[in-house]
Amino acid sequence: MSDFGRDEVHYRHFYHLRCHGHPPTRWRHEERSPSDGAVHNPILFEFFWAALPHAVPPLIADHGIMLPQLLDILSLEEL
């Protein structure tokens, strides 16, 4: 995370899942135990689905680094 002035290493895992049901369009999640150990009100996150490839908003800190590989895999599966 040196690009953001932090002496940290973030390990990430990327998953591709297929949903055969009808997931909600948007949903919320509260973080009640923050990793910094601070005691405060829960942090509210709001999530939504983004259609590949063009509806994915810009992602920071290399969070979208695996999207090109996923798009390649998906195009191979559709052949």
C-alpha atoms as a PDB file:
ATOM      1  CA  MET A   1       0.000   0.000   0.000  1.00  0.00           C
ATOM      2  CA  SER A   2       3.014   2.287  -0.451  1.00  0.00           C
ATOM      3  CA  ASP A   3       1.130   4.176  -3.194  1.00  0.00           C
ATOM      4  CA  PHE A   4      -1.189   5.318  -0.399  1.00  0.00           C
ATOM      5  CA  GLY A   5       1.546   6.130   2.145  1.00  0.00           C
ATOM      6  CA  ARG A   6       1.028   2.970   4.168  1.00  0.00           C
ATOM      7  CA  ASP A   7       3.629   0.383   5.085  1.00  0.00           C
ATOM      8  CA  GLU A   8       1.242  -2.545   4.638  1.00  0.00           C
ATOM      9  CA  VAL A   9       0.737  -5.537   2.410  1.00  0.00           C
ATOM     10  CA  HIS A  10      -2.853  -6.452   1.571  1.00  0.00           C
ATOM     11  CA  TYR A  11      -3.454 -10.026   0.495  1.00  0.00           C
ATOM     12  CA  ARG A  12      -6.437 -10.355  -1.797  1.00  0.00           C
ATOM     13  CA  HIS A  13      -8.460 -13.257  -3.047  1.00  0.00           C
ATOM     14  CA  PHE A  14     -10.554 -13.053  -6.190  1.00  0.00           C
ATOM     15  CA  TYR A  15     -13.573 -15.250  -6.851  1.00  0.00           C
ATOM     16  CA  HIS A  16     -15.875 -15.659  -9.800  1.00  0.00           C
ATOM     17  CA  LEU A  17     -19.261 -17.062  -8.894  1.00  0.00           C
ATOM     18  CA  ARG A  18     -22.328 -17.729 -10.975  1.00  0.00           C
ATOM     19  CA  CYS A  19     -25.703 -17.088  -9.415  1.00  0.00           C
ATOM     20  CA  HIS A  20     -28.627 -19.044 -10.782  1.00  0.00           C
ATOM     21  CA  GLY A  21     -31.163 -17.309  -8.539  1.00  0.00           C
ATOM     22  CA  HIS A  22     -32.376 -13.749  -8.284  1.00  0.00           C
ATOM     23  CA  PRO A  23     -30.006 -11.807  -6.012  1.00  0.00           C
ATOM     24  CA  PRO A  24     -30.987  -8.370  -4.716  1.00  0.00           C
ATOM     25  CA  THR A  25     -30.002  -5.410  -6.893  1.00  0.00           C
ATOM     26  CA  ARG A  26     -28.490  -3.591  -3.894  1.00  0.00           C
ATOM     27  CA  TRP A  27     -27.702  -4.585  -0.316  1.00  0.00           C
ATOM     28  CA  ARG A  28     -26.034  -3.214   2.796  1.00  0.00           C
ATOM     29  CA  HIS A  29     -23.572  -4.611   5.282  1.00  0.00           C
ATOM     30  CA  GLU A  30     -22.341  -3.168   8.568  1.00  0.00           C
ATOM     31  CA  GLU A  31     -18.753  -3.598   9.704  1.00  0.00           C
ATOM     32  CA  ARG A  32     -18.965  -3.950  13.463  1.00  0.00           C
ATOM     33  CA  SER A  33     -15.379  -5.006  14.202  1.00  0.00           C
ATOM     34  CA  PRO A  34     -13.009  -2.751  12.224  1.00  0.00           C
ATOM     35  CA  SER A  35      -9.495  -4.037  11.647  1.00  0.00           C
ATOM     36  CA  ASP A  36      -7.960  -0.954  13.262  1.00  0.00           C
ATOM     37  CA  GLY A  37      -9.531  -1.917  16.611  1.00  0.00           C
ATOM     38  CA  ALA A  38     -11.262   1.450  16.971  1.00  0.00           C
ATOM     39  CA  VAL A  39     -14.509   1.606  18.899  1.00  0.00           C
ATOM     40  CA  HIS A  40     -17.123   3.550  16.955  1.00  0.00           C
ATOM     41  CA  ASN A  41     -20.495   3.196  15.337  1.00  0.00           C
ATOM     42  CA  PRO A  42     -20.738   0.459  12.716  1.00  0.00           C
ATOM     43  CA  ILE A  43     -19.467   1.384   9.262  1.00  0.00           C
ATOM     44  CA  LEU A  44     -22.205   0.965   6.659  1.00  0.00           C
ATOM     45  CA  PHE A  45     -21.264  -0.405   3.238  1.00  0.00           C
ATOM     46  CA  GLU A  46     -23.663  -0.358   0.298  1.00  0.00           C
ATOM     47  CA  PHE A  47     -23.112  -2.919  -2.460  1.00  0.00           C
ATOM     48  CA  PHE A  48     -24.491  -3.331  -5.970  1.00  0.00           C
ATOM     49  CA  TRP A  49     -23.904  -5.517  -8.999  1.00  0.00           C
ATOM     50  CA  ALA A  50     -22.102  -4.079 -12.033  1.00  0.00           C
ATOM     51  CA  ALA A  51     -22.451  -5.648 -15.462  1.00  0.00           C
ATOM     52  CA  LEU A  52     -19.202  -6.733 -17.090  1.00  0.00           C
ATOM     53  CA  PRO A  53     -17.286  -5.237 -18.722  1.00  0.00           C
ATOM     54  CA  HIS A  54     -18.410  -1.628 -19.163  1.00  0.00           C
ATOM     55  CA  ALA A  55     -20.547  -0.937 -16.083  1.00  0.00           C
ATOM     56  CA  VAL A  56     -17.744  -1.631 -13.604  1.00  0.00           C
ATOM     57  CA  PRO A  57     -16.745   1.682 -11.991  1.00  0.00           C
ATOM     58  CA  PRO A  58     -13.067   2.599 -11.577  1.00  0.00           C
ATOM     59  CA  LEU A  59     -11.551   0.589  -8.728  1.00  0.00           C
ATOM     60  CA  ILE A  60      -8.671   1.808  -6.545  1.00  0.00           C
ATOM     61  CA  ALA A  61      -5.565   0.025  -5.289  1.00  0.00           C
ATOM     62  CA  ASP A  62      -5.566  -2.670  -8.007  1.00  0.00           C
ATOM     63  CA  HIS A  63      -8.915  -4.103  -6.916  1.00  0.00           C
ATOM     64  CA  GLY A  64      -9.801  -4.589 -10.596  1.00  0.00           C
ATOM     65  CA  ILE A  65      -6.508  -6.215 -11.537  1.00  0.00           C
ATOM     66  CA  MET A  66      -8.093  -9.598 -12.290  1.00  0.00           C
ATOM     67  CA  LEU A  67     -10.993  -8.284 -14.418  1.00  0.00           C
ATOM     68  CA  PRO A  68      -9.147  -8.605 -17.777  1.00  0.00           C
ATOM     69  CA  GLN A  69      -8.317 -12.243 -17.011  1.00  0.00           C
ATOM     70  CA  LEU A  70     -11.919 -12.929 -16.018  1.00  0.00           C
ATOM     71  CA  LEU A  71     -13.182 -11.405 -19.263  1.00  0.00           C
ATOM     72  CA  ASP A  72     -10.777 -13.616 -21.209  1.00  0.00           C
ATOM     73  CA  ILE A  73     -12.007 -16.716 -19.374  1.00  0.00           C
ATOM     74  CA  LEU A  74     -15.654 -15.829 -19.908  1.00  0.00           C
ATOM     75  CA  SER A  75     -15.176 -15.273 -23.635  1.00  0.00           C
ATOM     76  CA  LEU A  76     -13.480 -18.688 -23.893  1.00  0.00           C
ATOM     77  CA  GLU A  77     -16.388 -20.337 -22.092  1.00  0.00           C
ATOM     78  CA  GLU A  78     -18.888 -18.841 -24.556  1.00  0.00           C
ATOM     79  CA  LEU A  79     -17.164 -20.278 -27.663  1.00  0.00           C
END
